[in-house]
N, C-alpha and C. Protein backbone atom coordinates (compact mmCIF):
# COMPACT_ATOMS: atom_id res chain seq x y z
N MET A 1 -14.65 16.97 -12.62
CA MET A 1 -13.86 17.76 -12.96
C MET A 1 -12.95 17.12 -13.87
N ARG A 2 -12.68 17.72 -15.25
CA ARG A 2 -11.78 17.03 -15.97
C ARG A 2 -10.10 17.16 -15.64
N THR A 3 -9.24 16.08 -16.00
CA THR A 3 -8.11 16.58 -15.52
C THR A 3 -7.34 17.00 -16.99
N ASN A 4 -6.47 18.33 -16.95
CA ASN A 4 -5.87 18.24 -18.53
C ASN A 4 -4.42 17.55 -18.29
N LYS A 5 -3.66 17.42 -18.97
CA LYS A 5 -2.22 16.81 -19.27
C LYS A 5 -1.34 17.63 -18.03
N ALA A 6 -1.38 19.33 -18.08
CA ALA A 6 -0.73 20.13 -17.32
C ALA A 6 -0.70 19.01 -16.00
N ARG A 7 -1.92 19.06 -15.39
CA ARG A 7 -2.34 19.08 -14.02
C ARG A 7 -1.94 17.84 -13.68
N LEU A 8 -2.10 16.70 -14.81
CA LEU A 8 -2.01 15.56 -14.27
C LEU A 8 -0.33 15.32 -14.19
N ASP A 9 0.25 15.85 -14.91
CA ASP A 9 2.03 15.93 -14.95
C ASP A 9 2.64 16.60 -13.52
N TRP A 10 1.54 17.67 -13.06
CA TRP A 10 1.79 17.79 -12.02
C TRP A 10 2.12 17.02 -10.73
N LEU A 11 0.82 16.43 -10.50
CA LEU A 11 0.23 15.47 -9.77
C LEU A 11 1.36 14.16 -9.76
N LEU A 12 1.76 13.66 -10.75
CA LEU A 12 2.75 12.42 -11.06
C LEU A 12 3.97 12.54 -10.77
N SER A 13 4.48 14.01 -11.04
CA SER A 13 5.91 14.35 -10.49
C SER A 13 5.83 14.41 -8.84
N GLY A 14 5.00 14.31 -7.96
CA GLY A 14 5.01 14.12 -6.95
C GLY A 14 5.10 12.79 -6.35
N LEU A 15 4.73 11.85 -7.22
CA LEU A 15 4.88 10.22 -6.95
C LEU A 15 5.98 9.42 -7.46
N ARG A 16 5.71 8.27 -6.96
CA ARG A 16 6.64 7.50 -7.46
C ARG A 16 5.75 6.07 -7.70
N VAL A 17 5.97 5.95 -8.89
CA VAL A 17 4.80 4.62 -9.55
C VAL A 17 5.49 3.64 -9.29
N VAL A 18 5.16 2.31 -8.94
CA VAL A 18 5.77 1.36 -8.52
C VAL A 18 4.77 0.04 -8.92
N VAL A 19 5.78 -0.65 -9.53
CA VAL A 19 5.36 -1.79 -10.69
C VAL A 19 5.32 -3.06 -9.62
N VAL A 20 4.01 -3.68 -9.43
CA VAL A 20 3.50 -4.96 -8.55
C VAL A 20 3.70 -5.87 -9.50
N GLY A 21 5.01 -6.69 -9.44
CA GLY A 21 5.16 -7.80 -10.13
C GLY A 21 5.01 -9.11 -9.51
N GLU A 22 5.65 -10.06 -9.84
CA GLU A 22 5.52 -11.64 -9.54
C GLU A 22 5.90 -11.56 -7.86
N GLU A 23 7.27 -10.82 -7.27
CA GLU A 23 7.83 -11.21 -6.39
C GLU A 23 7.39 -10.10 -5.47
N GLU A 24 6.49 -9.14 -5.95
CA GLU A 24 5.73 -8.53 -4.79
C GLU A 24 4.36 -9.07 -4.30
N ALA A 25 3.94 -9.65 -5.51
CA ALA A 25 2.49 -10.37 -5.43
C ALA A 25 2.67 -11.46 -4.18
N LYS A 26 3.86 -12.11 -4.87
CA LYS A 26 4.22 -13.47 -3.41
C LYS A 26 4.27 -12.90 -1.96
N ALA A 27 4.95 -11.63 -2.21
CA ALA A 27 5.31 -11.08 -0.87
C ALA A 27 3.92 -10.88 -0.14
N ALA A 28 3.01 -10.19 -1.14
CA ALA A 28 1.68 -9.67 -0.40
C ALA A 28 1.00 -10.83 -0.03
N SER A 29 0.86 -11.75 -0.64
CA SER A 29 0.17 -13.24 -0.28
C SER A 29 0.68 -13.73 0.98
N ALA A 30 1.97 -13.30 1.19
CA ALA A 30 2.79 -13.88 2.30
C ALA A 30 2.01 -13.39 3.68
N LEU A 31 2.38 -11.59 3.46
CA LEU A 31 1.72 -10.89 4.40
C LEU A 31 0.02 -11.30 4.85
N LEU A 32 -1.05 -11.34 3.78
CA LEU A 32 -1.86 -12.41 3.95
C LEU A 32 -2.60 -13.08 4.58
N MET A 33 -1.50 -13.82 4.60
CA MET A 33 -1.76 -15.54 5.21
C MET A 33 -1.03 -15.31 6.49
N ARG A 34 0.13 -14.56 7.03
CA ARG A 34 0.17 -14.02 8.20
C ARG A 34 -0.68 -13.41 9.21
N ALA A 35 -1.36 -12.43 8.18
CA ALA A 35 -2.37 -11.57 8.92
C ALA A 35 -3.92 -12.50 9.19
N GLY A 36 -3.85 -13.65 8.84
CA GLY A 36 -5.02 -14.62 8.67
C GLY A 36 -6.43 -13.94 7.98
N LEU A 37 -5.71 -13.14 6.60
CA LEU A 37 -6.77 -12.63 5.94
C LEU A 37 -6.81 -13.35 4.60
N HIS A 38 -8.00 -13.42 3.63
CA HIS A 38 -7.58 -14.00 2.31
C HIS A 38 -8.98 -13.44 1.47
N GLY A 39 -8.60 -13.63 0.23
CA GLY A 39 -9.78 -13.52 -0.61
C GLY A 39 -9.34 -12.01 -1.49
N HIS A 40 -9.56 -11.64 -2.76
CA HIS A 40 -9.52 -10.43 -3.83
C HIS A 40 -9.82 -9.29 -2.50
N LYS A 41 -10.82 -9.49 -1.71
CA LYS A 41 -10.95 -8.18 -1.07
C LYS A 41 -9.82 -7.58 -0.27
N TYR A 42 -8.75 -8.48 -0.08
CA TYR A 42 -7.81 -7.79 0.96
C TYR A 42 -6.55 -7.81 -0.18
N ALA A 43 -6.81 -8.25 -1.27
CA ALA A 43 -5.32 -8.05 -2.37
C ALA A 43 -4.68 -6.46 -2.42
N ILE A 44 -5.64 -5.76 -2.66
CA ILE A 44 -4.90 -4.32 -2.55
C ILE A 44 -4.24 -3.98 -1.51
N ASP A 45 -5.27 -4.02 -0.44
CA ASP A 45 -4.31 -3.83 0.80
C ASP A 45 -2.87 -4.54 1.01
N ALA A 46 -3.03 -5.45 0.77
CA ALA A 46 -1.76 -6.50 0.83
C ALA A 46 -0.71 -5.84 0.12
N SER A 47 -1.19 -5.78 -1.04
CA SER A 47 -0.35 -4.94 -2.35
C SER A 47 0.66 -3.65 -1.73
N VAL A 48 -0.21 -2.68 -1.03
CA VAL A 48 0.15 -1.60 -0.66
C VAL A 48 1.05 -1.65 0.77
N ALA A 49 0.77 -2.45 1.39
CA ALA A 49 1.25 -2.83 2.64
C ALA A 49 2.61 -3.38 2.21
N GLU A 50 2.74 -4.24 1.58
CA GLU A 50 3.87 -4.94 1.08
C GLU A 50 5.18 -3.70 0.39
N ILE A 51 4.59 -2.55 -0.23
CA ILE A 51 5.06 -1.69 -0.69
C ILE A 51 5.34 -1.16 0.25
N ALA A 52 4.73 -0.49 1.17
CA ALA A 52 4.86 0.30 2.31
C ALA A 52 6.11 0.05 3.26
N LEU A 53 6.25 -1.40 3.63
CA LEU A 53 6.90 -2.19 4.45
C LEU A 53 8.55 -2.31 3.31
N ARG A 54 8.57 -2.15 2.22
CA ARG A 54 9.96 -2.24 1.52
C ARG A 54 10.35 -0.50 1.75
N GLN A 55 9.54 0.23 2.05
CA GLN A 55 10.24 1.54 2.26
C GLN A 55 11.45 1.74 3.34
N GLN A 56 12.29 3.14 3.04
CA GLN A 56 13.36 3.35 4.03
C GLN A 56 12.31 4.05 5.46
N ARG A 57 12.77 3.67 6.23
CA ARG A 57 11.74 4.16 7.51
C ARG A 57 12.42 5.64 7.91
N PRO A 58 11.65 6.30 8.46
CA PRO A 58 10.19 6.35 8.96
C PRO A 58 9.38 6.24 7.62
N VAL A 59 8.23 5.04 7.58
CA VAL A 59 7.49 5.43 6.89
C VAL A 59 5.89 5.87 7.35
N ALA A 60 4.88 6.53 6.70
CA ALA A 60 3.49 6.89 7.19
C ALA A 60 2.71 6.29 6.06
N MET A 61 1.46 6.14 6.40
CA MET A 61 0.63 5.47 5.74
C MET A 61 -0.81 6.29 6.01
N LEU A 62 -1.69 6.64 4.70
CA LEU A 62 -2.71 7.31 5.19
C LEU A 62 -3.83 6.24 4.66
N THR A 63 -4.56 6.08 5.49
CA THR A 63 -5.81 4.66 5.08
C THR A 63 -6.82 5.11 5.90
N SER A 64 -8.13 4.56 5.00
CA SER A 64 -9.11 4.56 5.93
C SER A 64 -9.56 3.23 6.35
N ASP A 65 -8.54 2.31 6.32
CA ASP A 65 -8.67 0.90 6.89
C ASP A 65 -7.60 0.49 7.73
N VAL A 66 -7.65 1.30 8.90
CA VAL A 66 -6.56 1.24 10.02
C VAL A 66 -6.44 -0.17 10.39
N ASP A 67 -7.76 -0.87 10.64
CA ASP A 67 -7.70 -2.46 10.97
C ASP A 67 -7.06 -3.38 10.35
N ASP A 68 -7.30 -3.63 9.12
CA ASP A 68 -6.63 -4.21 8.13
C ASP A 68 -5.24 -3.83 8.19
N MET A 69 -4.79 -2.61 7.93
CA MET A 69 -3.72 -2.23 7.87
C MET A 69 -2.54 -2.38 9.02
N THR A 70 -3.38 -2.56 10.10
CA THR A 70 -2.42 -2.52 11.21
C THR A 70 -2.20 -4.56 11.18
N LYS A 71 -3.32 -5.09 10.69
CA LYS A 71 -2.90 -6.70 10.58
C LYS A 71 -1.73 -6.85 9.97
N LEU A 72 -1.68 -6.29 8.83
CA LEU A 72 -0.77 -6.27 7.71
C LEU A 72 0.60 -5.75 7.63
N CYS A 73 0.53 -4.53 8.42
CA CYS A 73 2.13 -3.97 8.59
C CYS A 73 2.62 -3.97 9.92
N GLY A 74 1.81 -4.47 10.81
CA GLY A 74 2.25 -4.40 12.28
C GLY A 74 2.88 -2.81 12.93
N GLU A 75 3.81 -3.12 13.44
CA GLU A 75 4.40 -1.64 13.72
C GLU A 75 5.19 -0.65 12.95
N GLN A 76 5.49 -1.28 11.90
CA GLN A 76 6.78 -1.30 11.22
C GLN A 76 6.49 0.28 10.08
N VAL A 77 4.82 0.60 10.38
CA VAL A 77 4.50 1.80 9.58
C VAL A 77 3.50 2.26 10.56
N ARG A 78 3.78 3.49 10.54
CA ARG A 78 2.53 4.46 11.34
C ARG A 78 1.21 4.74 10.51
N LEU A 79 0.44 4.31 10.55
CA LEU A 79 -0.81 4.46 10.12
C LEU A 79 -1.73 5.58 10.55
N VAL A 80 -2.15 6.63 9.41
CA VAL A 80 -3.15 7.85 9.83
C VAL A 80 -4.22 7.69 9.36
N ALA A 81 -5.28 7.44 10.36
CA ALA A 81 -6.58 7.29 9.88
C ALA A 81 -7.17 8.62 8.94
N VAL A 82 -7.54 8.27 7.75
CA VAL A 82 -8.73 9.05 6.98
C VAL A 82 -9.71 8.86 6.99
């Protein structure tokens, strides 16, 4: 299905785009080390976890990878399996 500009604009209006810079990347790397995970396989998970952990509580995250996100977020983020 093709997405037209109006549909994309509507979708983006409900989102907040977060830039992952050097500070965020270093924090994500620290999460990986604490969780005992490594490699590019976990880089995006760690970046998403780092962003979730910076949000005002309560935070809920929809994820298909509850095991890894639990290792990265601990009890601070409510994980919902999808």
